[in-house]
């Protein structure tokens, strides 16, 4: 499932996908499988997948925003909650 998510959300394939998977998934798995059971409760999987792709997606969004030539000024007041 993790490889499918990486491929879909990060648009990676083949060697790039495998390298990203191998560099991230073991660390994340260990973070979530603290009892070293070899499986994860289904409730933990969305968090693992979010951490797996979230950092790259945030960086990509930031690059897109910083690279944009159309900047709008935003004025915030105390009532802008």
N, C-alpha and C. Protein backbone atom coordinates (compact mmCIF):
# COMPACT_ATOMS: atom_id res chain seq x y z
N UNK A 1 0.82 -1.18 0.00
CA UNK A 1 0.00 0.00 0.00
C UNK A 1 0.87 1.25 0.00
N UNK A 2 1.96 1.26 0.73
CA UNK A 2 2.82 2.44 0.81
C UNK A 2 3.40 2.79 -0.56
N UNK A 3 3.80 1.79 -1.32
CA UNK A 3 4.36 2.06 -2.66
C UNK A 3 3.30 2.67 -3.57
N UNK A 4 2.08 2.20 -3.47
CA UNK A 4 1.00 2.76 -4.28
C UNK A 4 0.77 4.23 -3.92
N UNK A 5 0.79 4.53 -2.64
CA UNK A 5 0.59 5.91 -2.19
C UNK A 5 1.73 6.80 -2.66
N UNK A 6 2.95 6.31 -2.55
CA UNK A 6 4.12 7.09 -3.02
C UNK A 6 3.99 7.36 -4.51
N UNK A 7 3.66 6.34 -5.27
CA UNK A 7 3.53 6.49 -6.71
C UNK A 7 2.43 7.47 -7.09
N UNK A 8 1.31 7.37 -6.42
CA UNK A 8 0.15 8.21 -6.74
C UNK A 8 0.36 9.65 -6.31
N UNK A 9 0.76 9.85 -5.07
CA UNK A 9 0.84 11.21 -4.52
C UNK A 9 2.13 11.93 -4.88
N UNK A 10 3.21 11.19 -5.00
CA UNK A 10 4.50 11.84 -5.27
C UNK A 10 4.95 11.66 -6.71
N UNK A 11 4.13 10.95 -7.49
CA UNK A 11 4.41 10.76 -8.92
C UNK A 11 5.77 10.11 -9.16
N UNK A 12 6.12 9.13 -8.32
CA UNK A 12 7.39 8.42 -8.47
C UNK A 12 7.14 7.05 -9.06
N UNK A 13 8.14 6.51 -9.75
CA UNK A 13 8.06 5.17 -10.33
C UNK A 13 9.40 4.48 -10.20
N UNK A 14 9.36 3.19 -10.38
CA UNK A 14 10.54 2.34 -10.53
C UNK A 14 11.60 2.61 -9.46
N UNK A 15 12.82 2.89 -9.89
CA UNK A 15 13.94 3.05 -8.97
C UNK A 15 13.78 4.20 -8.00
N UNK A 16 13.23 5.29 -8.47
CA UNK A 16 13.02 6.44 -7.60
C UNK A 16 12.03 6.09 -6.49
N UNK A 17 10.95 5.40 -6.85
CA UNK A 17 9.95 4.97 -5.88
C UNK A 17 10.57 4.01 -4.87
N UNK A 18 11.32 3.02 -5.36
CA UNK A 18 11.94 2.03 -4.48
C UNK A 18 12.94 2.70 -3.52
N UNK A 19 13.73 3.62 -4.02
CA UNK A 19 14.71 4.31 -3.17
C UNK A 19 14.02 5.12 -2.08
N UNK A 20 12.95 5.84 -2.45
CA UNK A 20 12.21 6.63 -1.46
C UNK A 20 11.57 5.71 -0.43
N UNK A 21 10.94 4.64 -0.90
CA UNK A 21 10.32 3.66 0.00
C UNK A 21 11.34 3.12 1.00
N UNK A 22 12.48 2.67 0.48
CA UNK A 22 13.50 2.06 1.34
C UNK A 22 14.14 3.04 2.31
N UNK A 23 14.16 4.32 1.95
CA UNK A 23 14.77 5.31 2.84
C UNK A 23 13.81 5.80 3.92
N UNK A 24 12.49 5.67 3.71
CA UNK A 24 11.53 6.23 4.65
C UNK A 24 10.70 5.20 5.42
N UNK A 25 10.24 4.16 4.75
CA UNK A 25 9.28 3.25 5.37
C UNK A 25 9.84 2.52 6.59
N UNK A 26 11.04 1.98 6.56
CA UNK A 26 11.52 1.28 7.77
C UNK A 26 11.54 2.17 9.02
N UNK A 27 11.94 3.42 8.87
CA UNK A 27 11.96 4.34 10.03
C UNK A 27 10.55 4.64 10.51
N UNK A 28 9.65 4.89 9.57
CA UNK A 28 8.27 5.18 9.95
C UNK A 28 7.62 3.95 10.57
N UNK A 29 7.88 2.78 9.99
CA UNK A 29 7.31 1.54 10.53
C UNK A 29 7.75 1.37 11.99
N UNK A 30 9.03 1.55 12.25
CA UNK A 30 9.55 1.40 13.62
C UNK A 30 8.90 2.41 14.56
N UNK A 31 8.63 3.60 14.05
CA UNK A 31 7.98 4.64 14.86
C UNK A 31 6.58 4.21 15.29
N UNK A 32 5.84 3.57 14.39
CA UNK A 32 4.47 3.18 14.68
C UNK A 32 4.35 1.80 15.29
N UNK A 33 5.26 0.89 15.00
CA UNK A 33 5.23 -0.47 15.55
C UNK A 33 6.16 -0.54 16.76
N UNK A 34 5.83 0.23 17.78
CA UNK A 34 6.71 0.35 18.95
C UNK A 34 6.88 -0.95 19.72
N UNK A 35 5.92 -1.85 19.61
CA UNK A 35 6.02 -3.14 20.30
C UNK A 35 6.67 -4.21 19.43
N UNK A 36 7.12 -3.80 18.23
CA UNK A 36 7.78 -4.71 17.30
C UNK A 36 6.93 -5.96 17.02
N UNK A 37 5.64 -5.72 16.75
CA UNK A 37 4.70 -6.81 16.49
C UNK A 37 4.71 -7.27 15.03
N UNK A 38 5.25 -6.44 14.13
CA UNK A 38 5.28 -6.81 12.73
C UNK A 38 4.02 -6.44 11.96
N UNK A 39 3.09 -5.79 12.64
CA UNK A 39 1.87 -5.31 11.98
C UNK A 39 1.44 -4.03 12.67
N UNK A 40 0.57 -3.28 11.98
CA UNK A 40 0.05 -2.04 12.55
C UNK A 40 -1.45 -2.13 12.70
N UNK A 41 -1.95 -1.54 13.75
CA UNK A 41 -3.38 -1.38 13.90
C UNK A 41 -3.87 -0.51 12.76
N UNK A 42 -5.00 -0.85 12.20
CA UNK A 42 -5.52 -0.13 11.04
C UNK A 42 -5.69 1.36 11.33
N UNK A 43 -5.89 1.73 12.57
CA UNK A 43 -6.06 3.14 12.92
C UNK A 43 -4.76 3.94 12.77
N UNK A 44 -3.61 3.27 12.79
CA UNK A 44 -2.32 3.96 12.68
C UNK A 44 -1.88 4.16 11.23
N UNK A 45 -2.44 3.40 10.31
CA UNK A 45 -1.99 3.44 8.92
C UNK A 45 -2.15 4.82 8.27
N UNK A 46 -3.29 5.49 8.42
CA UNK A 46 -3.40 6.81 7.80
C UNK A 46 -2.32 7.79 8.27
N UNK A 47 -1.97 7.75 9.54
CA UNK A 47 -0.92 8.63 10.05
C UNK A 47 0.43 8.29 9.44
N UNK A 48 0.74 7.01 9.31
CA UNK A 48 1.99 6.60 8.69
C UNK A 48 2.05 7.09 7.24
N UNK A 49 0.98 6.90 6.49
CA UNK A 49 0.96 7.31 5.09
C UNK A 49 1.04 8.82 4.96
N UNK A 50 0.39 9.53 5.86
CA UNK A 50 0.45 10.99 5.84
C UNK A 50 1.88 11.47 6.09
N UNK A 51 2.56 10.85 7.04
CA UNK A 51 3.96 11.21 7.29
C UNK A 51 4.85 10.83 6.12
N UNK A 52 4.53 9.75 5.46
CA UNK A 52 5.32 9.25 4.34
C UNK A 52 5.32 10.23 3.18
N UNK A 53 4.19 10.80 2.86
CA UNK A 53 4.10 11.70 1.70
C UNK A 53 3.97 13.16 2.08
N UNK A 54 3.56 13.44 3.30
CA UNK A 54 3.27 14.81 3.70
C UNK A 54 4.43 15.76 3.59
N UNK A 55 5.60 15.34 4.02
CA UNK A 55 6.76 16.22 4.00
C UNK A 55 7.11 16.64 2.57
N UNK A 56 7.07 15.71 1.65
CA UNK A 56 7.39 16.01 0.25
C UNK A 56 6.29 16.86 -0.36
N UNK A 57 5.03 16.55 -0.07
CA UNK A 57 3.93 17.34 -0.62
C UNK A 57 3.98 18.77 -0.11
N UNK A 58 4.30 18.95 1.17
CA UNK A 58 4.41 20.30 1.72
C UNK A 58 5.54 21.05 1.02
N UNK A 59 6.67 20.42 0.85
CA UNK A 59 7.79 21.06 0.16
C UNK A 59 7.43 21.41 -1.28
N UNK A 60 6.73 20.52 -1.98
CA UNK A 60 6.33 20.79 -3.35
C UNK A 60 5.36 21.96 -3.41
N UNK A 61 4.40 22.02 -2.49
CA UNK A 61 3.46 23.13 -2.46
C UNK A 61 4.17 24.44 -2.18
N UNK A 62 5.13 24.41 -1.29
CA UNK A 62 5.87 25.62 -0.96
C UNK A 62 6.67 26.09 -2.17
N UNK A 63 7.30 25.17 -2.89
CA UNK A 63 8.05 25.55 -4.08
C UNK A 63 7.13 26.17 -5.13
N UNK A 64 5.94 25.62 -5.28
CA UNK A 64 4.99 26.17 -6.24
C UNK A 64 4.59 27.58 -5.82
N UNK A 65 4.31 27.77 -4.54
CA UNK A 65 3.91 29.08 -4.06
C UNK A 65 5.04 30.10 -4.20
N UNK A 66 6.25 29.70 -3.86
CA UNK A 66 7.37 30.61 -3.94
C UNK A 66 7.73 30.92 -5.39
N UNK A 67 7.45 29.98 -6.28
CA UNK A 67 7.79 30.18 -7.68
C UNK A 67 6.73 30.96 -8.44
N UNK A 68 5.61 31.21 -7.81
CA UNK A 68 4.52 31.91 -8.48
C UNK A 68 4.88 33.38 -8.66
N UNK A 69 4.51 33.92 -9.80
CA UNK A 69 4.75 35.33 -10.07
C UNK A 69 3.55 36.19 -9.74
N UNK A 70 2.49 35.55 -9.28
CA UNK A 70 1.27 36.27 -8.96
C UNK A 70 1.12 36.30 -7.45
N UNK A 71 1.54 37.36 -6.84
CA UNK A 71 1.45 37.49 -5.39
C UNK A 71 0.31 38.44 -5.05
N UNK A 72 -0.53 38.01 -4.15
CA UNK A 72 -1.63 38.85 -3.70
C UNK A 72 -1.29 39.33 -2.30
N UNK A 73 -1.64 40.55 -2.01
CA UNK A 73 -1.45 41.06 -0.67
C UNK A 73 -2.68 40.71 0.16
N UNK A 74 -2.43 40.23 1.34
CA UNK A 74 -3.51 39.89 2.24
C UNK A 74 -3.39 40.78 3.46
N UNK A 75 -4.49 41.37 3.83
CA UNK A 75 -4.52 42.20 5.02
C UNK A 75 -5.32 41.45 6.08
N UNK A 76 -4.71 41.21 7.21
CA UNK A 76 -5.36 40.48 8.28
C UNK A 76 -5.66 41.44 9.41
N UNK A 77 -6.82 41.27 9.98
CA UNK A 77 -7.20 42.05 11.15
C UNK A 77 -7.39 41.10 12.30
N UNK A 78 -7.62 41.63 13.45
CA UNK A 78 -7.84 40.80 14.62
C UNK A 78 -9.07 39.93 14.45
N UNK A 79 -10.02 40.34 13.64
CA UNK A 79 -11.24 39.58 13.44
C UNK A 79 -11.10 38.48 12.41
N UNK A 80 -9.93 38.35 11.77
CA UNK A 80 -9.70 37.32 10.74
C UNK A 80 -9.33 35.99 11.38
N UNK A 81 -10.26 35.34 12.03
CA UNK A 81 -9.96 34.05 12.65
C UNK A 81 -10.43 32.93 11.80
